[in-house]
């Protein structure tokens, strides 16, 4: 059950971060795409990563499998969320660029973790 949920949430993580990444990056160049729902969507896509990591930890503890590169990419995505938040002040004049590229980075980490399963 947890394994199936982890697989489904993985796709939600990749697709949601791809979607908001493209949206926010496009909004950097086209100001009319900037909508008030953009930032809650970014937060929701990042919250999916937190859920995915928690499911992965639960799955790891249940199977007692050795940790590997798959887990590395999951935790790298989790830590990247904090790094994006930490850089928001340095990039305050270009937040759309920061979160657009950052969300695409998170999507890439999710895709990379797929290859290791």
PDB file of N, CA and C in Angstrom:
ATOM      1  N   UNK A   1       0.822  -1.193   0.000  1.00  0.00           N
ATOM      2  CA  UNK A   1       0.000   0.000   0.000  1.00  0.00           C
ATOM      3  C   UNK A   1       0.866   1.257   0.000  1.00  0.00           C
ATOM      4  N   UNK A   2       1.855   1.316   0.904  1.00  0.00           N
ATOM      5  CA  UNK A   2       2.735   2.486   0.964  1.00  0.00           C
ATOM      6  C   UNK A   2       3.558   2.574  -0.313  1.00  0.00           C
ATOM      7  N   UNK A   3       3.981   1.432  -0.835  1.00  0.00           N
ATOM      8  CA  UNK A   3       4.770   1.427  -2.070  1.00  0.00           C
ATOM      9  C   UNK A   3       3.959   2.005  -3.237  1.00  0.00           C
ATOM     10  N   UNK A   4       2.685   1.637  -3.315  1.00  0.00           N
ATOM     11  CA  UNK A   4       1.827   2.157  -4.378  1.00  0.00           C
ATOM     12  C   UNK A   4       1.603   3.657  -4.220  1.00  0.00           C
ATOM     13  N   UNK A   5       1.376   4.098  -2.988  1.00  0.00           N
ATOM     14  CA  UNK A   5       1.196   5.528  -2.736  1.00  0.00           C
ATOM     15  C   UNK A   5       2.464   6.301  -3.085  1.00  0.00           C
ATOM     16  N   UNK A   6       3.615   5.729  -2.748  1.00  0.00           N
ATOM     17  CA  UNK A   6       4.894   6.368  -3.045  1.00  0.00           C
ATOM     18  C   UNK A   6       5.072   6.517  -4.559  1.00  0.00           C
ATOM     19  N   UNK A   7       4.653   5.515  -5.312  1.00  0.00           N
ATOM     20  CA  UNK A   7       4.760   5.567  -6.770  1.00  0.00           C
ATOM     21  C   UNK A   7       3.826   6.618  -7.366  1.00  0.00           C
ATOM     22  N   UNK A   8       2.605   6.695  -6.858  1.00  0.00           N
ATOM     23  CA  UNK A   8       1.639   7.669  -7.374  1.00  0.00           C
ATOM     24  C   UNK A   8       2.074   9.090  -7.019  1.00  0.00           C
ATOM     25  N   UNK A   9       2.475   9.294  -5.777  1.00  0.00           N
ATOM     26  CA  UNK A   9       2.881  10.628  -5.343  1.00  0.00           C
ATOM     27  C   UNK A   9       4.151  11.068  -6.078  1.00  0.00           C
ATOM     28  N   UNK A  10       4.984  10.106  -6.487  1.00  0.00           N
ATOM     29  CA  UNK A  10       6.175  10.457  -7.261  1.00  0.00           C
ATOM     30  C   UNK A  10       5.789  11.131  -8.571  1.00  0.00           C
ATOM     31  N   UNK A  11       4.788  10.574  -9.244  1.00  0.00           N
ATOM     32  CA  UNK A  11       4.340  11.196 -10.492  1.00  0.00           C
ATOM     33  C   UNK A  11       3.702  12.554 -10.234  1.00  0.00           C
ATOM     34  N   UNK A  12       2.940  12.674  -9.148  1.00  0.00           N
ATOM     35  CA  UNK A  12       2.346  13.966  -8.804  1.00  0.00           C
ATOM     36  C   UNK A  12       3.448  14.983  -8.544  1.00  0.00           C
ATOM     37  N   UNK A  13       4.522  14.558  -7.881  1.00  0.00           N
ATOM     38  CA  UNK A  13       5.654  15.443  -7.597  1.00  0.00           C
ATOM     39  C   UNK A  13       6.287  15.942  -8.892  1.00  0.00           C
ATOM     40  N   UNK A  14       6.559  15.025  -9.811  1.00  0.00           N
ATOM     41  CA  UNK A  14       7.225  15.399 -11.056  1.00  0.00           C
ATOM     42  C   UNK A  14       6.327  16.319 -11.895  1.00  0.00           C
ATOM     43  N   UNK A  15       5.081  15.934 -12.074  1.00  0.00           N
ATOM     44  CA  UNK A  15       4.176  16.709 -12.923  1.00  0.00           C
ATOM     45  C   UNK A  15       3.864  18.073 -12.308  1.00  0.00           C
ATOM     46  N   UNK A  16       3.626  18.122 -11.007  1.00  0.00           N
ATOM     47  CA  UNK A  16       3.283  19.404 -10.387  1.00  0.00           C
ATOM     48  C   UNK A  16       4.464  20.368 -10.410  1.00  0.00           C
ATOM     49  N   UNK A  17       5.658  19.881 -10.153  1.00  0.00           N
ATOM     50  CA  UNK A  17       6.814  20.770 -10.185  1.00  0.00           C
ATOM     51  C   UNK A  17       7.167  21.189 -11.610  1.00  0.00           C
ATOM     52  N   UNK A  18       6.930  20.313 -12.576  1.00  0.00           N
ATOM     53  CA  UNK A  18       7.127  20.696 -13.976  1.00  0.00           C
ATOM     54  C   UNK A  18       6.144  21.795 -14.362  1.00  0.00           C
ATOM     55  N   UNK A  19       4.891  21.607 -13.973  1.00  0.00           N
ATOM     56  CA  UNK A  19       3.864  22.591 -14.312  1.00  0.00           C
ATOM     57  C   UNK A  19       4.113  23.956 -13.696  1.00  0.00           C
ATOM     58  N   UNK A  20       4.358  23.984 -12.395  1.00  0.00           N
ATOM     59  CA  UNK A  20       4.587  25.293 -11.770  1.00  0.00           C
ATOM     60  C   UNK A  20       5.928  25.872 -12.209  1.00  0.00           C
ATOM     61  N   UNK A  21       6.905  25.016 -12.464  1.00  0.00           N
ATOM     62  CA  UNK A  21       8.199  25.513 -12.932  1.00  0.00           C
ATOM     63  C   UNK A  21       8.068  26.236 -14.261  1.00  0.00           C
ATOM     64  N   UNK A  22       7.351  25.633 -15.196  1.00  0.00           N
ATOM     65  CA  UNK A  22       7.149  26.270 -16.492  1.00  0.00           C
ATOM     66  C   UNK A  22       6.298  27.525 -16.381  1.00  0.00           C
ATOM     67  N   UNK A  23       5.282  27.475 -15.532  1.00  0.00           N
ATOM     68  CA  UNK A  23       4.397  28.621 -15.340  1.00  0.00           C
ATOM     69  C   UNK A  23       5.174  29.808 -14.757  1.00  0.00           C
ATOM     70  N   UNK A  24       5.910  29.559 -13.687  1.00  0.00           N
ATOM     71  CA  UNK A  24       6.627  30.646 -13.013  1.00  0.00           C
ATOM     72  C   UNK A  24       7.759  31.163 -13.891  1.00  0.00           C
ATOM     73  N   UNK A  25       8.438  30.282 -14.581  1.00  0.00           N
ATOM     74  CA  UNK A  25       9.508  30.720 -15.472  1.00  0.00           C
ATOM     75  C   UNK A  25       8.944  31.557 -16.623  1.00  0.00           C
ATOM     76  N   UNK A  26       7.826  31.137 -17.167  1.00  0.00           N
ATOM     77  CA  UNK A  26       7.189  31.932 -18.218  1.00  0.00           C
ATOM     78  C   UNK A  26       6.731  33.287 -17.675  1.00  0.00           C
ATOM     79  N   UNK A  27       6.280  33.317 -16.421  1.00  0.00           N
ATOM     80  CA  UNK A  27       5.838  34.565 -15.808  1.00  0.00           C
ATOM     81  C   UNK A  27       6.994  35.542 -15.610  1.00  0.00           C
ATOM     82  N   UNK A  28       8.209  35.034 -15.560  1.00  0.00           N
ATOM     83  CA  UNK A  28       9.374  35.923 -15.476  1.00  0.00           C
ATOM     84  C   UNK A  28       9.468  36.778 -16.739  1.00  0.00           C
ATOM     85  N   UNK A  29       9.114  36.196 -17.878  1.00  0.00           N
ATOM     86  CA  UNK A  29       9.223  36.891 -19.152  1.00  0.00           C
ATOM     87  C   UNK A  29       7.920  37.545 -19.604  1.00  0.00           C
ATOM     88  N   UNK A  30       6.783  36.987 -19.172  1.00  0.00           N
ATOM     89  CA  UNK A  30       5.468  37.498 -19.576  1.00  0.00           C
ATOM     90  C   UNK A  30       4.699  37.883 -18.309  1.00  0.00           C
ATOM     91  N   UNK A  31       4.743  39.147 -17.920  1.00  0.00           N
ATOM     92  CA  UNK A  31       4.107  39.561 -16.663  1.00  0.00           C
ATOM     93  C   UNK A  31       2.611  39.277 -16.568  1.00  0.00           C
ATOM     94  N   UNK A  32       1.919  39.143 -17.681  1.00  0.00           N
ATOM     95  CA  UNK A  32       0.479  38.865 -17.614  1.00  0.00           C
ATOM     96  C   UNK A  32       0.191  37.465 -17.067  1.00  0.00           C
ATOM     97  N   UNK A  33       1.192  36.595 -17.037  1.00  0.00           N
ATOM     98  CA  UNK A  33       1.004  35.254 -16.480  1.00  0.00           C
ATOM     99  C   UNK A  33       1.097  35.229 -14.953  1.00  0.00           C
ATOM    100  N   UNK A  34       1.484  36.335 -14.369  1.00  0.00           N
ATOM    101  CA  UNK A  34       1.605  36.403 -12.910  1.00  0.00           C
ATOM    102  C   UNK A  34       0.207  36.504 -12.305  1.00  0.00           C
ATOM    103  N   UNK A  35      -0.146  35.478 -11.598  1.00  0.00           N
ATOM    104  CA  UNK A  35      -1.483  35.380 -11.008  1.00  0.00           C
ATOM    105  C   UNK A  35      -1.340  35.131  -9.518  1.00  0.00           C
ATOM    106  N   UNK A  36      -2.323  35.529  -8.762  1.00  0.00           N
ATOM    107  CA  UNK A  36      -2.235  35.375  -7.303  1.00  0.00           C
ATOM    108  C   UNK A  36      -2.221  33.917  -6.861  1.00  0.00           C
ATOM    109  N   UNK A  37      -2.672  33.002  -7.703  1.00  0.00           N
ATOM    110  CA  UNK A  37      -2.651  31.576  -7.358  1.00  0.00           C
ATOM    111  C   UNK A  37      -1.300  30.920  -7.644  1.00  0.00           C
ATOM    112  N   UNK A  38      -0.370  31.675  -8.233  1.00  0.00           N
ATOM    113  CA  UNK A  38       0.915  31.090  -8.595  1.00  0.00           C
ATOM    114  C   UNK A  38       1.689  30.623  -7.366  1.00  0.00           C
ATOM    115  N   UNK A  39       1.802  31.463  -6.354  1.00  0.00           N
ATOM    116  CA  UNK A  39       2.615  31.116  -5.183  1.00  0.00           C
ATOM    117  C   UNK A  39       1.995  29.997  -4.356  1.00  0.00           C
ATOM    118  N   UNK A  40       0.663  29.955  -4.168  1.00  0.00           N
ATOM    119  CA  UNK A  40       0.097  28.766  -3.511  1.00  0.00           C
ATOM    120  C   UNK A  40       0.330  27.478  -4.316  1.00  0.00           C
ATOM    121  N   UNK A  41       0.354  27.583  -5.640  1.00  0.00           N
ATOM    122  CA  UNK A  41       0.626  26.397  -6.460  1.00  0.00           C
ATOM    123  C   UNK A  41       2.066  25.926  -6.267  1.00  0.00           C
ATOM    124  N   UNK A  42       2.987  26.865  -6.173  1.00  0.00           N
ATOM    125  CA  UNK A  42       4.387  26.503  -5.911  1.00  0.00           C
ATOM    126  C   UNK A  42       4.493  25.830  -4.541  1.00  0.00           C
ATOM    127  N   UNK A  43       3.824  26.392  -3.542  1.00  0.00           N
ATOM    128  CA  UNK A  43       3.835  25.807  -2.206  1.00  0.00           C
ATOM    129  C   UNK A  43       3.225  24.409  -2.186  1.00  0.00           C
ATOM    130  N   UNK A  44       2.157  24.212  -2.940  1.00  0.00           N
ATOM    131  CA  UNK A  44       1.520  22.899  -2.995  1.00  0.00           C
ATOM    132  C   UNK A  44       2.442  21.874  -3.662  1.00  0.00           C
ATOM    133  N   UNK A  45       3.125  22.286  -4.736  1.00  0.00           N
ATOM    134  CA  UNK A  45       4.050  21.363  -5.412  1.00  0.00           C
ATOM    135  C   UNK A  45       5.204  20.996  -4.486  1.00  0.00           C
ATOM    136  N   UNK A  46       5.656  21.940  -3.687  1.00  0.00           N
ATOM    137  CA  UNK A  46       6.729  21.647  -2.744  1.00  0.00           C
ATOM    138  C   UNK A  46       6.229  20.817  -1.567  1.00  0.00           C
ATOM    139  N   UNK A  47       4.978  21.000  -1.176  1.00  0.00           N
ATOM    140  CA  UNK A  47       4.403  20.177  -0.106  1.00  0.00           C
ATOM    141  C   UNK A  47       4.290  18.718  -0.545  1.00  0.00           C
ATOM    142  N   UNK A  48       4.063  18.495  -1.826  1.00  0.00           N
ATOM    143  CA  UNK A  48       4.010  17.122  -2.345  1.00  0.00           C
ATOM    144  C   UNK A  48       5.363  16.438  -2.139  1.00  0.00           C
ATOM    145  N   UNK A  49       6.442  17.204  -2.260  1.00  0.00           N
ATOM    146  CA  UNK A  49       7.774  16.631  -2.037  1.00  0.00           C
ATOM    147  C   UNK A  49       7.930  16.185  -0.592  1.00  0.00           C
ATOM    148  N   UNK A  50       7.433  16.991   0.333  1.00  0.00           N
ATOM    149  CA  UNK A  50       7.506  16.622   1.749  1.00  0.00           C
ATOM    150  C   UNK A  50       6.722  15.331   1.993  1.00  0.00           C
ATOM    151  N   UNK A  51       5.533  15.229   1.416  1.00  0.00           N
ATOM    152  CA  UNK A  51       4.727  14.014   1.555  1.00  0.00           C
ATOM    153  C   UNK A  51       5.470  12.828   0.946  1.00  0.00           C
ATOM    154  N   UNK A  52       6.089  13.038  -0.201  1.00  0.00           N
ATOM    155  CA  UNK A  52       6.827  11.964  -0.873  1.00  0.00           C
ATOM    156  C   UNK A  52       7.995  11.476  -0.026  1.00  0.00           C
ATOM    157  N   UNK A  53       8.718  12.394   0.584  1.00  0.00           N
ATOM    158  CA  UNK A  53       9.839  12.005   1.443  1.00  0.00           C
ATOM    159  C   UNK A  53       9.337  11.229   2.654  1.00  0.00           C
ATOM    160  N   UNK A  54       8.247  11.677   3.253  1.00  0.00           N
ATOM    161  CA  UNK A  54       7.696  10.962   4.409  1.00  0.00           C
ATOM    162  C   UNK A  54       7.233   9.558   4.028  1.00  0.00           C
ATOM    163  N   UNK A  55       6.607   9.426   2.869  1.00  0.00           N
ATOM    164  CA  UNK A  55       6.215   8.098   2.399  1.00  0.00           C
ATOM    165  C   UNK A  55       7.442   7.226   2.130  1.00  0.00           C
ATOM    166  N   UNK A  56       8.482   7.831   1.571  1.00  0.00           N
ATOM    167  CA  UNK A  56       9.706   7.088   1.308  1.00  0.00           C
ATOM    168  C   UNK A  56      10.377   6.608   2.576  1.00  0.00           C
ATOM    169  N   UNK A  57      10.384   7.443   3.596  1.00  0.00           N
ATOM    170  CA  UNK A  57      10.968   7.042   4.883  1.00  0.00           C
ATOM    171  C   UNK A  57      10.157   5.909   5.488  1.00  0.00           C
ATOM    172  N   UNK A  58       8.840   6.028   5.421  1.00  0.00           N
ATOM    173  CA  UNK A  58       7.985   4.966   5.951  1.00  0.00           C
ATOM    174  C   UNK A  58       8.204   3.658   5.184  1.00  0.00           C
ATOM    175  N   UNK A  59       8.326   3.744   3.879  1.00  0.00           N
ATOM    176  CA  UNK A  59       8.573   2.557   3.068  1.00  0.00           C
ATOM    177  C   UNK A  59       9.932   1.951   3.394  1.00  0.00           C
ATOM    178  N   UNK A  60      10.925   2.784   3.560  1.00  0.00           N
ATOM    179  CA  UNK A  60      12.276   2.309   3.888  1.00  0.00           C
ATOM    180  C   UNK A  60      12.287   1.583   5.235  1.00  0.00           C
ATOM    181  N   UNK A  61      11.602   2.152   6.204  1.00  0.00           N
ATOM    182  CA  UNK A  61      11.563   1.523   7.533  1.00  0.00           C
ATOM    183  C   UNK A  61      10.784   0.205   7.515  1.00  0.00           C
ATOM    184  N   UNK A  62       9.767   0.131   6.678  1.00  0.00           N
ATOM    185  CA  UNK A  62       8.954  -1.086   6.616  1.00  0.00           C
ATOM    186  C   UNK A  62       9.677  -2.230   5.910  1.00  0.00           C
ATOM    187  N   UNK A  63      10.508  -1.898   4.929  1.00  0.00           N
ATOM    188  CA  UNK A  63      11.184  -2.953   4.166  1.00  0.00           C
ATOM    189  C   UNK A  63      12.580  -3.242   4.686  1.00  0.00           C
ATOM    190  N   UNK A  64      13.131  -2.357   5.465  1.00  0.00           N
ATOM    191  CA  UNK A  64      14.471  -2.516   6.037  1.00  0.00           C
ATOM    192  C   UNK A  64      15.526  -2.708   4.941  1.00  0.00           C
ATOM    193  N   UNK A  65      15.312  -2.019   3.816  1.00  0.00           N
ATOM    194  CA  UNK A  65      16.268  -2.086   2.706  1.00  0.00           C
ATOM    195  C   UNK A  65      17.413  -1.109   2.956  1.00  0.00           C
ATOM    196  N   UNK A  66      18.588  -1.390   2.417  1.00  0.00           N
ATOM    197  CA  UNK A  66      19.698  -0.450   2.588  1.00  0.00           C
ATOM    198  C   UNK A  66      19.436   0.841   1.806  1.00  0.00           C
ATOM    199  N   UNK A  67      19.909   1.938   2.347  1.00  0.00           N
ATOM    200  CA  UNK A  67      19.742   3.229   1.678  1.00  0.00           C
ATOM    201  C   UNK A  67      20.635   3.281   0.444  1.00  0.00           C
ATOM    202  N   UNK A  68      20.182   3.998  -0.556  1.00  0.00           N
ATOM    203  CA  UNK A  68      20.938   4.097  -1.793  1.00  0.00           C
ATOM    204  C   UNK A  68      20.770   5.457  -2.441  1.00  0.00           C
ATOM    205  N   UNK A  69      21.099   5.510  -3.721  1.00  0.00           N
ATOM    206  CA  UNK A  69      21.024   6.791  -4.429  1.00  0.00           C
ATOM    207  C   UNK A  69      19.593   7.273  -4.603  1.00  0.00           C
ATOM    208  N   UNK A  70      18.627   6.376  -4.654  1.00  0.00           N
ATOM    209  CA  UNK A  70      17.224   6.774  -4.751  1.00  0.00           C
ATOM    210  C   UNK A  70      16.854   7.675  -3.566  1.00  0.00           C
ATOM    211  N   UNK A  71      17.247   7.268  -2.374  1.00  0.00           N
ATOM    212  CA  UNK A  71      16.974   8.068  -1.182  1.00  0.00           C
ATOM    213  C   UNK A  71      17.764   9.375  -1.215  1.00  0.00           C
ATOM    214  N   UNK A  72      18.951   9.340  -1.762  1.00  0.00           N
ATOM    215  CA  UNK A  72      19.760  10.555  -1.876  1.00  0.00           C
ATOM    216  C   UNK A  72      19.035  11.624  -2.676  1.00  0.00           C
ATOM    217  N   UNK A  73      18.448  11.241  -3.806  1.00  0.00           N
ATOM    218  CA  UNK A  73      17.729  12.213  -4.626  1.00  0.00           C
ATOM    219  C   UNK A  73      16.476  12.720  -3.921  1.00  0.00           C
ATOM    220  N   UNK A  74      15.813  11.868  -3.161  1.00  0.00           N
ATOM    221  CA  UNK A  74      14.644  12.318  -2.402  1.00  0.00           C
ATOM    222  C   UNK A  74      15.008  13.356  -1.356  1.00  0.00           C
ATOM    223  N   UNK A  75      16.060  13.092  -0.612  1.00  0.00           N
ATOM    224  CA  UNK A  75      16.465  14.063   0.397  1.00  0.00           C
ATOM    225  C   UNK A  75      17.086  15.307  -0.222  1.00  0.00           C
ATOM    226  N   UNK A  76      17.714  15.164  -1.385  1.00  0.00           N
ATOM    227  CA  UNK A  76      18.242  16.339  -2.083  1.00  0.00           C
ATOM    228  C   UNK A  76      17.100  17.265  -2.500  1.00  0.00           C
ATOM    229  N   UNK A  77      15.981  16.693  -2.935  1.00  0.00           N
ATOM    230  CA  UNK A  77      14.812  17.504  -3.280  1.00  0.00           C
ATOM    231  C   UNK A  77      14.278  18.208  -2.037  1.00  0.00           C
ATOM    232  N   UNK A  78      14.209  17.482  -0.940  1.00  0.00           N
ATOM    233  CA  UNK A  78      13.715  18.052   0.314  1.00  0.00           C
ATOM    234  C   UNK A  78      14.600  19.226   0.760  1.00  0.00           C
ATOM    235  N   UNK A  79      15.898  19.052   0.697  1.00  0.00           N
ATOM    236  CA  UNK A  79      16.828  20.108   1.110  1.00  0.00           C
ATOM    237  C   UNK A  79      16.805  21.264   0.117  1.00  0.00           C
ATOM    238  N   UNK A  80      16.580  20.973  -1.158  1.00  0.00           N
ATOM    239  CA  UNK A  80      16.525  22.031  -2.169  1.00  0.00           C
ATOM    240  C   UNK A  80      15.385  23.002  -1.917  1.00  0.00           C
ATOM    241  N   UNK A  81      14.290  22.522  -1.343  1.00  0.00           N
ATOM    242  CA  UNK A  81      13.182  23.416  -0.995  1.00  0.00           C
ATOM    243  C   UNK A  81      13.668  24.483  -0.021  1.00  0.00           C
ATOM    244  N   UNK A  82      14.399  24.060   0.988  1.00  0.00           N
ATOM    245  CA  UNK A  82      14.950  25.007   1.956  1.00  0.00           C
ATOM    246  C   UNK A  82      15.948  25.958   1.330  1.00  0.00           C
ATOM    247  N   UNK A  83      16.727  25.466   0.387  1.00  0.00           N
ATOM    248  CA  UNK A  83      17.704  26.331  -0.270  1.00  0.00           C
ATOM    249  C   UNK A  83      17.020  27.381  -1.136  1.00  0.00           C
ATOM    250  N   UNK A  84      15.952  27.000  -1.809  1.00  0.00           N
ATOM    251  CA  UNK A  84      15.197  27.984  -2.588  1.00  0.00           C
ATOM    252  C   UNK A  84      14.650  29.079  -1.676  1.00  0.00           C
ATOM    253  N   UNK A  85      14.102  28.664  -0.550  1.00  0.00           N
ATOM    254  CA  UNK A  85      13.560  29.631   0.402  1.00  0.00           C
ATOM    255  C   UNK A  85      14.668  30.528   0.956  1.00  0.00           C
ATOM    256  N   UNK A  86      15.833  29.965   1.197  1.00  0.00           N
ATOM    257  CA  UNK A  86      16.945  30.737   1.751  1.00  0.00           C
ATOM    258  C   UNK A  86      17.462  31.785   0.761  1.00  0.00           C
ATOM    259  N   UNK A  87      17.373  31.513  -0.523  1.00  0.00           N
ATOM    260  CA  UNK A  87      17.879  32.449  -1.529  1.00  0.00           C
ATOM    261  C   UNK A  87      16.857  33.491  -1.960  1.00  0.00           C
ATOM    262  N   UNK A  88      15.663  33.465  -1.402  1.00  0.00           N
ATOM    263  CA  UNK A  88      14.624  34.382  -1.853  1.00  0.00           C
ATOM    264  C   UNK A  88      15.002  35.843  -1.641  1.00  0.00           C
ATOM    265  N   UNK A  89      15.755  36.173  -0.588  1.00  0.00           N
ATOM    266  CA  UNK A  89      16.146  37.566  -0.368  1.00  0.00           C
ATOM    267  C   UNK A  89      17.221  38.022  -1.342  1.00  0.00           C
ATOM    268  N   UNK A  90      18.159  37.137  -1.668  1.00  0.00           N
ATOM    269  CA  UNK A  90      19.196  37.496  -2.630  1.00  0.00           C
ATOM    270  C   UNK A  90      18.622  37.674  -4.032  1.00  0.00           C
ATOM    271  N   UNK A  91      17.534  36.981  -4.308  1.00  0.00           N
ATOM    272  CA  UNK A  91      16.917  37.039  -5.638  1.00  0.00           C
ATOM    273  C   UNK A  91      15.586  37.786  -5.601  1.00  0.00           C
ATOM    274  N   UNK A  92      15.441  38.718  -4.680  1.00  0.00           N
ATOM    275  CA  UNK A  92      14.140  39.389  -4.513  1.00  0.00           C
ATOM    276  C   UNK A  92      13.707  40.149  -5.756  1.00  0.00           C
ATOM    277  N   UNK A  93      14.654  40.544  -6.604  1.00  0.00           N
ATOM    278  CA  UNK A  93      14.276  41.234  -7.835  1.00  0.00           C
ATOM    279  C   UNK A  93      13.986  40.254  -8.984  1.00  0.00           C
ATOM    280  N   UNK A  94      14.254  38.958  -8.770  1.00  0.00           N
ATOM    281  CA  UNK A  94      13.989  37.935  -9.785  1.00  0.00           C
ATOM    282  C   UNK A  94      13.379  36.669  -9.162  1.00  0.00           C
ATOM    283  N   UNK A  95      12.300  36.795  -8.390  1.00  0.00           N
ATOM    284  CA  UNK A  95      11.743  35.607  -7.723  1.00  0.00           C
ATOM    285  C   UNK A  95      11.162  34.591  -8.704  1.00  0.00           C
ATOM    286  N   UNK A  96      10.662  35.077  -9.835  1.00  0.00           N
ATOM    287  CA  UNK A  96      10.075  34.152 -10.806  1.00  0.00           C
ATOM    288  C   UNK A  96      11.155  33.275 -11.433  1.00  0.00           C
ATOM    289  N   UNK A  97      12.301  33.861 -11.665  1.00  0.00           N
ATOM    290  CA  UNK A  97      13.413  33.096 -12.206  1.00  0.00           C
ATOM    291  C   UNK A  97      13.900  32.062 -11.187  1.00  0.00           C
ATOM    292  N   UNK A  98      14.018  32.471  -9.928  1.00  0.00           N
ATOM    293  CA  UNK A  98      14.466  31.564  -8.865  1.00  0.00           C
ATOM    294  C   UNK A  98      13.528  30.373  -8.715  1.00  0.00           C
ATOM    295  N   UNK A  99      12.242  30.647  -8.557  1.00  0.00           N
ATOM    296  CA  UNK A  99      11.307  29.552  -8.306  1.00  0.00           C
ATOM    297  C   UNK A  99      10.942  28.788  -9.579  1.00  0.00           C
ATOM    298  N   UNK A 100      11.029  29.420 -10.731  1.00  0.00           N
ATOM    299  CA  UNK A 100      10.801  28.697 -11.977  1.00  0.00           C
ATOM    300  C   UNK A 100      11.887  27.663 -12.229  1.00  0.00           C
ATOM    301  N   UNK A 101      13.134  28.110 -12.176  1.00  0.00           N
ATOM    302  CA  UNK A 101      14.248  27.184 -12.373  1.00  0.00           C
ATOM    303  C   UNK A 101      14.350  26.195 -11.213  1.00  0.00           C
ATOM    304  N   UNK A 102      14.051  26.668  -9.999  1.00  0.00           N
ATOM    305  CA  UNK A 102      14.099  25.783  -8.836  1.00  0.00           C
ATOM    306  C   UNK A 102      13.079  24.666  -8.918  1.00  0.00           C
ATOM    307  N   UNK A 103      11.887  24.968  -9.388  1.00  0.00           N
ATOM    308  CA  UNK A 103      10.863  23.935  -9.527  1.00  0.00           C
ATOM    309  C   UNK A 103      11.236  22.928 -10.617  1.00  0.00           C
ATOM    310  N   UNK A 104      11.851  23.416 -11.676  1.00  0.00           N
ATOM    311  CA  UNK A 104      12.319  22.491 -12.715  1.00  0.00           C
ATOM    312  C   UNK A 104      13.464  21.628 -12.189  1.00  0.00           C
ATOM    313  N   UNK A 105      14.292  22.174 -11.330  1.00  0.00           N
ATOM    314  CA  UNK A 105      15.352  21.393 -10.671  1.00  0.00           C
ATOM    315  C   UNK A 105      14.728  20.273  -9.827  1.00  0.00           C
ATOM    316  N   UNK A 106      13.685  20.619  -9.062  1.00  0.00           N
ATOM    317  CA  UNK A 106      13.006  19.629  -8.228  1.00  0.00           C
ATOM    318  C   UNK A 106      12.377  18.534  -9.090  1.00  0.00           C
ATOM    319  N   UNK A 107      11.801  18.920 -10.222  1.00  0.00           N
ATOM    320  CA  UNK A 107      11.251  17.936 -11.145  1.00  0.00           C
ATOM    321  C   UNK A 107      12.353  17.001 -11.637  1.00  0.00           C
ATOM    322  N   UNK A 108      13.497  17.570 -11.965  1.00  0.00           N
ATOM    323  CA  UNK A 108      14.615  16.753 -12.430  1.00  0.00           C
ATOM    324  C   UNK A 108      15.118  15.768 -11.395  1.00  0.00           C
ATOM    325  N   UNK A 109      15.152  16.189 -10.130  1.00  0.00           N
ATOM    326  CA  UNK A 109      15.546  15.267  -9.072  1.00  0.00           C
ATOM    327  C   UNK A 109      14.558  14.112  -8.949  1.00  0.00           C
ATOM    328  N   UNK A 110      13.271  14.431  -9.122  1.00  0.00           N
ATOM    329  CA  UNK A 110      12.264  13.372  -9.099  1.00  0.00           C
ATOM    330  C   UNK A 110      12.418  12.402 -10.254  1.00  0.00           C
ATOM    331  N   UNK A 111      12.685  12.920 -11.437  1.00  0.00           N
ATOM    332  CA  UNK A 111      12.894  12.045 -12.604  1.00  0.00           C
ATOM    333  C   UNK A 111      14.150  11.188 -12.426  1.00  0.00           C
ATOM    334  N   UNK A 112      15.178  11.763 -11.876  1.00  0.00           N
ATOM    335  CA  UNK A 112      16.414  11.014 -11.650  1.00  0.00           C
ATOM    336  C   UNK A 112      16.188   9.873 -10.653  1.00  0.00           C
ATOM    337  N   UNK A 113      15.378  10.127  -9.642  1.00  0.00           N
ATOM    338  CA  UNK A 113      15.090   9.085  -8.658  1.00  0.00           C
ATOM    339  C   UNK A 113      14.308   7.936  -9.306  1.00  0.00           C
ATOM    340  N   UNK A 114      13.480   8.235 -10.303  1.00  0.00           N
ATOM    341  CA  UNK A 114      12.750   7.190 -11.027  1.00  0.00           C
ATOM    342  C   UNK A 114      13.696   6.193 -11.675  1.00  0.00           C
ATOM    343  N   UNK A 115      14.798   6.674 -12.199  1.00  0.00           N
ATOM    344  CA  UNK A 115      15.722   5.807 -12.914  1.00  0.00           C
ATOM    345  C   UNK A 115      16.419   4.816 -11.981  1.00  0.00           C
ATOM    346  N   UNK A 116      16.385   5.084 -10.701  1.00  0.00           N
ATOM    347  CA  UNK A 116      17.105   4.247  -9.748  1.00  0.00           C
ATOM    348  C   UNK A 116      16.228   3.219  -9.051  1.00  0.00           C
ATOM    349  N   UNK A 117      14.956   3.166  -9.415  1.00  0.00           N
ATOM    350  CA  UNK A 117      14.047   2.222  -8.763  1.00  0.00           C
ATOM    351  C   UNK A 117      14.074   0.907  -9.492  1.00  0.00           C
TER     352      UNK A 117
END
